[in-house]
Structure formats: C-alpha cells, structure tokens
Amino acid sequence: MFTKECPRCNRTLPVSEFNGRPNPDWGKRYNHKTPIWTDTRCRDCTKAVTKLRIKVMKARREGRLKAPDRCSHCQQIGRIHGHHEDYYKPFDIIWLCVSCHSNVHHGNITLNA
C-alpha cells in the first residue's frame, strides 16, 4: 500500500485518502516506485478549505466581511487575497497582494500573525 504525507496536517495516510488521480507519467519520467498524486492535501484538509471558502464568500456577499484595498505586508494597492494560517479559523484572515500571498506559500515570506 502506498502512503503519502499531507503537507497541511502532516499525517501520513494511504494515497486513497487523497483527492485527485495518479500522475500518468510518474513511472516514465522519474522511475518512481510510488505514484505521485495530483492533489497534495488529504480529503479532510480539502473539506476544511472548501468549508472555509464558503463561509468567507458568504460573509463578504452579506457585507459582514470586507477586504482592505492594501496588502497587510507590503502595503501595495490592488487585488487582495485572503490568507489563512489555520483553516479552522475562517475569519482569522491576513490580507495579502497576489505577490506576497505567493511568496508566503513558497516560504519566501514569514508572517507574524
């Protein structure tokens, strides 16, 4: 049985607990013995993210939550993304521009939230 670690919850689970399908080129390109799955989060984490997005979208639509017009990290004005350190706290949001949000997820920026 193949296993994989979820990067969000750090649990090692069977690959059947992950969404997505195996990458069809996994054996050809890298000579792997275990398949590389297309979705990195386990099903539980994927469900948590989906529930969080629905709650945030509903709150924004109803006017209970409004995104600022500036990035909380670099103060740039423009399109702002909501970043969550904990998916189980839907309204604990750090508002970031597209560039800073990408840098946070790639480990180039550390936030003091």
C-alpha atoms as a PDB file:
ATOM      1  CA  MET A   1       0.000   0.000   0.000  1.00  0.00           C
ATOM      2  CA  PHE A   2       1.332   3.422  -0.963  1.00  0.00           C
ATOM      3  CA  THR A   3       1.297   6.230   1.600  1.00  0.00           C
ATOM      4  CA  LYS A   4       1.750   9.963   1.379  1.00  0.00           C
ATOM      5  CA  GLU A   5       2.140  12.797   3.876  1.00  0.00           C
ATOM      6  CA  CYS A   6      -0.363  15.656   3.827  1.00  0.00           C
ATOM      7  CA  PRO A   7       1.577  18.940   3.906  1.00  0.00           C
ATOM      8  CA  ARG A   8      -1.244  20.700   5.764  1.00  0.00           C
ATOM      9  CA  CYS A   9      -1.928  18.310   8.688  1.00  0.00           C
ATOM     10  CA  ASN A  10       1.363  16.327   8.495  1.00  0.00           C
ATOM     11  CA  ARG A  11      -0.437  12.977   8.744  1.00  0.00           C
ATOM     12  CA  THR A  12       0.855  10.019   6.745  1.00  0.00           C
ATOM     13  CA  LEU A  13      -2.133   8.387   5.076  1.00  0.00           C
ATOM     14  CA  PRO A  14      -2.817   5.880   2.314  1.00  0.00           C
ATOM     15  CA  VAL A  15      -2.966   7.548  -1.089  1.00  0.00           C
ATOM     16  CA  SER A  16      -6.642   6.566  -1.276  1.00  0.00           C
ATOM     17  CA  GLU A  17      -7.277   9.322   1.337  1.00  0.00           C
ATOM     18  CA  PHE A  18      -6.162  11.981  -1.144  1.00  0.00           C
ATOM     19  CA  ASN A  19      -8.278  13.552  -3.860  1.00  0.00           C
ATOM     20  CA  GLY A  20      -7.112  13.508  -7.429  1.00  0.00           C
ATOM     21  CA  ARG A  21      -5.643  10.835  -9.633  1.00  0.00           C
ATOM     22  CA  PRO A  22      -2.156   9.469 -10.010  1.00  0.00           C
ATOM     23  CA  ASN A  23       0.044  11.373 -12.400  1.00  0.00           C
ATOM     24  CA  PRO A  24       0.154   9.185 -15.544  1.00  0.00           C
ATOM     25  CA  ASP A  25       3.829   9.992 -16.165  1.00  0.00           C
ATOM     26  CA  TRP A  26       5.113   9.151 -12.687  1.00  0.00           C
ATOM     27  CA  GLY A  27       6.885   5.961 -13.677  1.00  0.00           C
ATOM     28  CA  LYS A  28       8.155   7.113 -17.052  1.00  0.00           C
ATOM     29  CA  ARG A  29       9.862  10.359 -16.115  1.00  0.00           C
ATOM     30  CA  TYR A  30      11.410   9.785 -12.721  1.00  0.00           C
ATOM     31  CA  ASN A  31      11.450   5.995 -12.354  1.00  0.00           C
ATOM     32  CA  HIS A  32       9.400   6.243  -9.146  1.00  0.00           C
ATOM     33  CA  LYS A  33       8.051   3.148  -7.489  1.00  0.00           C
ATOM     34  CA  THR A  34       5.269   5.083  -5.739  1.00  0.00           C
ATOM     35  CA  PRO A  35       2.727   7.191  -7.664  1.00  0.00           C
ATOM     36  CA  ILE A  36       2.705  10.956  -7.394  1.00  0.00           C
ATOM     37  CA  TRP A  37      -0.840  12.156  -6.804  1.00  0.00           C
ATOM     38  CA  THR A  38      -2.095  15.377  -8.329  1.00  0.00           C
ATOM     39  CA  ASP A  39      -3.764  16.783  -5.182  1.00  0.00           C
ATOM     40  CA  THR A  40      -1.398  17.418  -2.294  1.00  0.00           C
ATOM     41  CA  ARG A  41      -3.918  17.783   0.576  1.00  0.00           C
ATOM     42  CA  CYS A  42      -5.756  14.891   2.166  1.00  0.00           C
ATOM     43  CA  ARG A  43      -9.552  14.750   1.902  1.00  0.00           C
ATOM     44  CA  ASP A  44     -10.084  16.106   5.432  1.00  0.00           C
ATOM     45  CA  CYS A  45      -7.947  19.176   4.729  1.00  0.00           C
ATOM     46  CA  THR A  46      -9.614  19.677   1.341  1.00  0.00           C
ATOM     47  CA  LYS A  47     -13.054  19.615   3.033  1.00  0.00           C
ATOM     48  CA  ALA A  48     -11.871  22.147   5.628  1.00  0.00           C
ATOM     49  CA  VAL A  49     -10.622  24.507   2.895  1.00  0.00           C
ATOM     50  CA  THR A  50     -13.896  24.217   0.981  1.00  0.00           C
ATOM     51  CA  LYS A  51     -15.976  24.968   4.095  1.00  0.00           C
ATOM     52  CA  LEU A  52     -13.755  27.934   4.920  1.00  0.00           C
ATOM     53  CA  ARG A  53     -14.072  29.419   1.422  1.00  0.00           C
ATOM     54  CA  ILE A  54     -17.866  29.098   1.525  1.00  0.00           C
ATOM     55  CA  LYS A  55     -18.051  30.858   4.920  1.00  0.00           C
ATOM     56  CA  VAL A  56     -15.794  33.697   3.774  1.00  0.00           C
ATOM     57  CA  MET A  57     -17.618  34.151   0.446  1.00  0.00           C
ATOM     58  CA  LYS A  58     -20.984  34.236   2.240  1.00  0.00           C
ATOM     59  CA  ALA A  59     -19.744  36.792   4.785  1.00  0.00           C
ATOM     60  CA  ARG A  60     -18.331  39.005   2.012  1.00  0.00           C
ATOM     61  CA  ARG A  61     -21.534  38.738  -0.026  1.00  0.00           C
ATOM     62  CA  GLU A  62     -23.631  39.690   3.024  1.00  0.00           C
ATOM     63  CA  GLY A  63     -21.340  42.625   3.826  1.00  0.00           C
ATOM     64  CA  ARG A  64     -20.116  41.217   7.164  1.00  0.00           C
ATOM     65  CA  LEU A  65     -16.543  40.946   5.874  1.00  0.00           C
ATOM     66  CA  LYS A  66     -14.725  43.384   3.633  1.00  0.00           C
ATOM     67  CA  ALA A  67     -11.239  43.013   2.226  1.00  0.00           C
ATOM     68  CA  PRO A  68      -8.991  46.063   2.583  1.00  0.00           C
ATOM     69  CA  ASP A  69      -7.602  47.734  -0.511  1.00  0.00           C
ATOM     70  CA  ARG A  70      -3.967  47.309   0.631  1.00  0.00           C
ATOM     71  CA  CYS A  71      -1.696  44.340   1.292  1.00  0.00           C
ATOM     72  CA  SER A  72      -1.032  43.965   5.017  1.00  0.00           C
ATOM     73  CA  HIS A  73       2.599  43.019   4.287  1.00  0.00           C
ATOM     74  CA  CYS A  74       3.878  45.418   1.578  1.00  0.00           C
ATOM     75  CA  GLN A  75       1.030  47.994   1.561  1.00  0.00           C
ATOM     76  CA  GLN A  76       0.583  47.630  -2.210  1.00  0.00           C
ATOM     77  CA  ILE A  77      -2.839  48.663  -3.535  1.00  0.00           C
ATOM     78  CA  GLY A  78      -4.544  46.231  -5.891  1.00  0.00           C
ATOM     79  CA  ARG A  79      -6.088  42.778  -5.932  1.00  0.00           C
ATOM     80  CA  ILE A  80      -6.010  41.333  -2.417  1.00  0.00           C
ATOM     81  CA  HIS A  81      -6.166  37.655  -1.404  1.00  0.00           C
ATOM     82  CA  GLY A  82      -7.193  36.310   1.986  1.00  0.00           C
ATOM     83  CA  HIS A  83      -4.552  34.054   3.573  1.00  0.00           C
ATOM     84  CA  HIS A  84      -5.406  31.646   6.394  1.00  0.00           C
ATOM     85  CA  GLU A  85      -2.801  30.217   8.730  1.00  0.00           C
ATOM     86  CA  ASP A  86      -5.459  27.924  10.257  1.00  0.00           C
ATOM     87  CA  TYR A  87      -8.300  26.603   8.096  1.00  0.00           C
ATOM     88  CA  TYR A  88     -10.450  26.030  11.174  1.00  0.00           C
ATOM     89  CA  LYS A  89     -10.498  29.792  11.928  1.00  0.00           C
ATOM     90  CA  PRO A  90     -12.330  31.167   8.890  1.00  0.00           C
ATOM     91  CA  PHE A  91     -12.341  34.824   9.925  1.00  0.00           C
ATOM     92  CA  ASP A  92      -8.719  34.975  11.093  1.00  0.00           C
ATOM     93  CA  ILE A  93      -7.542  36.350   7.729  1.00  0.00           C
ATOM     94  CA  ILE A  94      -4.311  38.011   6.671  1.00  0.00           C
ATOM     95  CA  TRP A  95      -4.974  40.147   3.582  1.00  0.00           C
ATOM     96  CA  LEU A  96      -2.137  39.939   1.044  1.00  0.00           C
ATOM     97  CA  CYS A  97      -1.483  41.044  -2.525  1.00  0.00           C
ATOM     98  CA  VAL A  98      -1.053  38.286  -5.111  1.00  0.00           C
ATOM     99  CA  SER A  99       2.746  38.536  -4.995  1.00  0.00           C
ATOM    100  CA  CYS A 100       3.039  38.371  -1.192  1.00  0.00           C
ATOM    101  CA  HIS A 101       0.475  35.557  -1.000  1.00  0.00           C
ATOM    102  CA  SER A 102       2.501  33.511  -3.472  1.00  0.00           C
ATOM    103  CA  ASN A 103       5.712  34.253  -1.549  1.00  0.00           C
ATOM    104  CA  VAL A 104       4.128  33.126   1.733  1.00  0.00           C
ATOM    105  CA  HIS A 105       3.128  29.783   0.222  1.00  0.00           C
ATOM    106  CA  HIS A 106       6.584  29.291  -1.278  1.00  0.00           C
ATOM    107  CA  GLY A 107       8.260  30.050   2.067  1.00  0.00           C
ATOM    108  CA  ASN A 108       9.898  33.308   0.954  1.00  0.00           C
ATOM    109  CA  ILE A 109       7.967  35.427   3.485  1.00  0.00           C
ATOM    110  CA  THR A 110       7.195  34.636   7.110  1.00  0.00           C
ATOM    111  CA  LEU A 111       4.174  36.359   8.601  1.00  0.00           C
ATOM    112  CA  ASN A 112       3.856  37.483  12.187  1.00  0.00           C
ATOM    113  CA  ALA A 113       0.138  36.912  12.592  1.00  0.00           C
END
